[in-house]
Amino acid sequence: MAEAPPSPDHAALSRIRVGAEAFEFRGRVSYPHTPHGFATSKLAANAERLIGIDATARNWNTVTRLLEMVTIENAPR
């Protein structure tokens, strides 16, 4: 996120979560846990509105691949 969410609606996030779904904030980063799929999660679908800030999501495989690409690009030649 561009900045840490000033006042996320934790109560609303809790109300729409299903089963083991969870949402955690650490500064400008949020960690949604959607064990039955991010694409079908109501928690994930409504998170931006309920945290009150624009956000983007990447799955962990994408994050690690981007890290590899940056590491390769910046390797000494």
Protein backbone atom coordinates (compact mmCIF):
# COMPACT_ATOMS: atom_id res chain seq x y z
CA MET A 1 0.00 0.00 0.00
CA ALA A 2 1.14 3.56 -0.55
CA GLU A 3 0.77 4.21 3.18
CA ALA A 4 -0.34 2.39 6.30
CA PRO A 5 -4.13 2.32 6.56
CA PRO A 6 -5.16 5.07 9.00
CA SER A 7 -8.15 3.27 10.49
CA PRO A 8 -9.04 -0.12 8.99
CA ASP A 9 -12.49 -1.39 9.93
CA HIS A 10 -11.35 -4.50 11.82
CA ALA A 11 -14.90 -5.28 12.98
CA ALA A 12 -16.24 -5.35 9.41
CA LEU A 13 -13.27 -7.42 8.23
CA SER A 14 -14.01 -9.94 10.99
CA ARG A 15 -17.71 -10.08 10.10
CA ILE A 16 -17.15 -11.00 6.45
CA ARG A 17 -14.36 -13.51 6.93
CA VAL A 18 -15.23 -17.17 6.39
CA GLY A 19 -13.72 -20.06 8.33
CA ALA A 20 -9.97 -19.69 8.80
CA GLU A 21 -9.67 -16.50 6.75
CA ALA A 22 -7.67 -13.75 8.43
CA PHE A 23 -6.20 -10.34 7.72
CA GLU A 24 -3.14 -8.86 9.40
CA PHE A 25 -1.55 -5.43 8.97
CA ARG A 26 2.11 -4.56 9.44
CA GLY A 27 2.76 -0.99 8.44
CA ARG A 28 2.14 -0.60 4.72
CA VAL A 29 1.78 -4.35 4.18
CA SER A 30 -1.31 -6.46 4.71
CA TYR A 31 -1.29 -10.22 4.88
CA PRO A 32 -4.60 -11.81 3.89
CA HIS A 33 -4.91 -15.50 4.66
CA THR A 34 -7.52 -16.99 2.32
CA PRO A 35 -7.04 -20.78 2.48
CA HIS A 36 -9.92 -21.48 0.08
CA GLY A 37 -8.71 -19.04 -2.58
CA PHE A 38 -8.12 -15.32 -2.87
CA ALA A 39 -10.28 -14.94 -5.99
CA THR A 40 -13.42 -16.26 -4.27
CA SER A 41 -12.88 -14.64 -0.87
CA LYS A 42 -15.36 -11.97 0.26
CA LEU A 43 -12.69 -10.80 2.70
CA ALA A 44 -10.22 -10.20 -0.13
CA ALA A 45 -12.87 -8.67 -2.40
CA ASN A 46 -13.90 -6.08 0.20
CA ALA A 47 -10.55 -5.44 1.88
CA GLU A 48 -9.64 -2.24 0.01
CA ARG A 49 -12.94 -0.60 0.86
CA LEU A 50 -12.75 -1.68 4.51
CA ILE A 51 -9.15 -0.61 5.07
CA GLY A 52 -9.82 2.76 3.48
CA ILE A 53 -6.81 2.88 1.15
CA ASP A 54 -5.93 1.72 -2.36
CA ALA A 55 -3.97 -1.52 -2.41
CA THR A 56 -2.63 -4.12 -4.79
CA ALA A 57 -2.07 -7.83 -4.24
CA ARG A 58 0.57 -10.31 -5.31
CA ASN A 59 0.74 -13.99 -4.45
CA TRP A 60 3.91 -15.26 -2.83
CA ASN A 61 5.16 -17.01 -6.00
CA THR A 62 5.01 -13.69 -7.84
CA VAL A 63 6.83 -11.89 -5.02
CA THR A 64 9.67 -14.41 -4.99
CA ARG A 65 9.95 -14.32 -8.80
CA LEU A 66 10.14 -10.50 -8.76
CA LEU A 67 12.88 -10.74 -6.12
CA GLU A 68 14.81 -13.16 -8.36
CA MET A 69 14.45 -10.79 -11.31
CA VAL A 70 15.71 -7.80 -9.32
CA THR A 71 18.60 -9.83 -7.91
CA ILE A 72 19.63 -11.02 -11.38
CA GLU A 73 19.28 -7.51 -12.86
CA ASN A 74 21.48 -5.98 -10.17
CA ALA A 75 24.11 -8.72 -10.01
CA PRO A 76 27.71 -7.55 -10.56
CA ARG A 77 28.95 -8.19 -14.09
